């Protein structure tokens, strides 16, 4: 039996609660790619040995968290504990 990912299920539920469908994402694909391109252009001054995640990815996560009305770093974990 395949184990269902609770994180994917939570993401799916969040999308449904906010009226976000696959069609919505596809319609905005070019905009998201353009934003990602600019996020990837931000210079990363961290030493490579300390880099765990790409800076552009972190910027995108924060960008979408702000769009989703997250107002603190712990917002995600509070949402998942419901």
Protein backbone atom coordinates (compact mmCIF):
# COMPACT_ATOMS: atom_id res chain seq x y z
CA UNK A 1 0.00 0.00 0.00
CA UNK A 2 1.29 3.47 -0.91
CA UNK A 3 1.68 5.90 1.97
CA UNK A 4 -0.01 9.23 1.27
CA UNK A 5 2.11 12.32 1.89
CA UNK A 6 0.52 14.49 4.57
CA UNK A 7 2.41 17.55 3.30
CA UNK A 8 1.06 17.09 -0.21
CA UNK A 9 -2.42 16.54 1.19
CA UNK A 10 -2.13 19.72 3.26
CA UNK A 11 -0.94 21.65 0.22
CA UNK A 12 -3.82 20.27 -1.81
CA UNK A 13 -6.29 21.30 0.90
CA UNK A 14 -4.78 24.78 1.12
CA UNK A 15 -5.12 25.18 -2.64
CA UNK A 16 -8.75 24.03 -2.52
CA UNK A 17 -9.60 26.33 0.39
CA UNK A 18 -8.21 29.29 -1.55
CA UNK A 19 -9.75 28.41 -4.90
CA UNK A 20 -6.44 27.64 -6.58
CA UNK A 21 -6.81 25.07 -9.34
CA UNK A 22 -4.22 23.56 -11.67
CA UNK A 23 -5.68 25.79 -14.38
CA UNK A 24 -4.98 28.89 -12.26
CA UNK A 25 -1.36 27.86 -11.83
CA UNK A 26 -0.96 27.10 -15.54
CA UNK A 27 -2.44 30.48 -16.51
CA UNK A 28 0.11 32.22 -14.31
CA UNK A 29 3.07 30.03 -15.24
CA UNK A 30 4.84 32.69 -17.31
CA UNK A 31 4.47 35.26 -14.51
CA UNK A 32 5.85 32.82 -11.93
CA UNK A 33 8.80 31.99 -14.22
CA UNK A 34 9.55 35.69 -14.67
CA UNK A 35 9.52 36.29 -10.90
CA UNK A 36 11.75 33.24 -10.39
CA UNK A 37 14.19 34.55 -13.00
CA UNK A 38 14.56 37.80 -11.05
CA UNK A 39 14.88 35.94 -7.73
CA UNK A 40 17.70 33.87 -9.21
CA UNK A 41 19.55 37.05 -10.23
CA UNK A 42 19.96 38.21 -6.62
CA UNK A 43 23.62 37.83 -5.69
CA UNK A 44 24.27 35.34 -2.94
CA UNK A 45 27.11 36.45 -0.66
CA UNK A 46 27.09 33.31 1.46
CA UNK A 47 30.15 31.07 1.46
CA UNK A 48 29.37 27.97 -0.66
CA UNK A 49 30.15 25.62 2.24
CA UNK A 50 27.27 27.18 4.22
CA UNK A 51 24.72 27.01 1.42
CA UNK A 52 22.04 24.41 1.93
CA UNK A 53 19.36 25.93 -0.33
CA UNK A 54 19.66 28.22 -3.31
CA UNK A 55 18.92 31.84 -2.50
CA UNK A 56 16.46 32.15 -5.40
CA UNK A 57 14.42 29.27 -3.95
CA UNK A 58 14.37 30.89 -0.50
CA UNK A 59 13.23 34.19 -2.02
CA UNK A 60 10.41 32.41 -3.86
CA UNK A 61 9.24 30.63 -0.70
CA UNK A 62 9.17 33.92 1.21
CA UNK A 63 7.44 35.65 -1.71
CA UNK A 64 4.63 33.10 -1.80
CA UNK A 65 4.39 33.00 2.00
CA UNK A 66 3.84 36.75 2.03
CA UNK A 67 1.22 36.41 -0.71
CA UNK A 68 -0.42 33.76 1.46
CA UNK A 69 -0.58 36.21 4.41
CA UNK A 70 2.05 34.45 6.50
CA UNK A 71 3.34 37.03 8.94
CA UNK A 72 5.95 35.06 10.86
CA UNK A 73 8.36 32.18 10.28
CA UNK A 74 6.36 29.80 12.45
CA UNK A 75 3.17 30.39 10.42
CA UNK A 76 3.69 27.24 8.35
CA UNK A 77 4.03 24.92 11.33
CA UNK A 78 1.01 26.48 13.06
CA UNK A 79 -1.04 25.93 9.90
CA UNK A 80 0.01 22.26 9.67
CA UNK A 81 -0.90 21.58 13.32
CA UNK A 82 -4.58 22.32 12.79
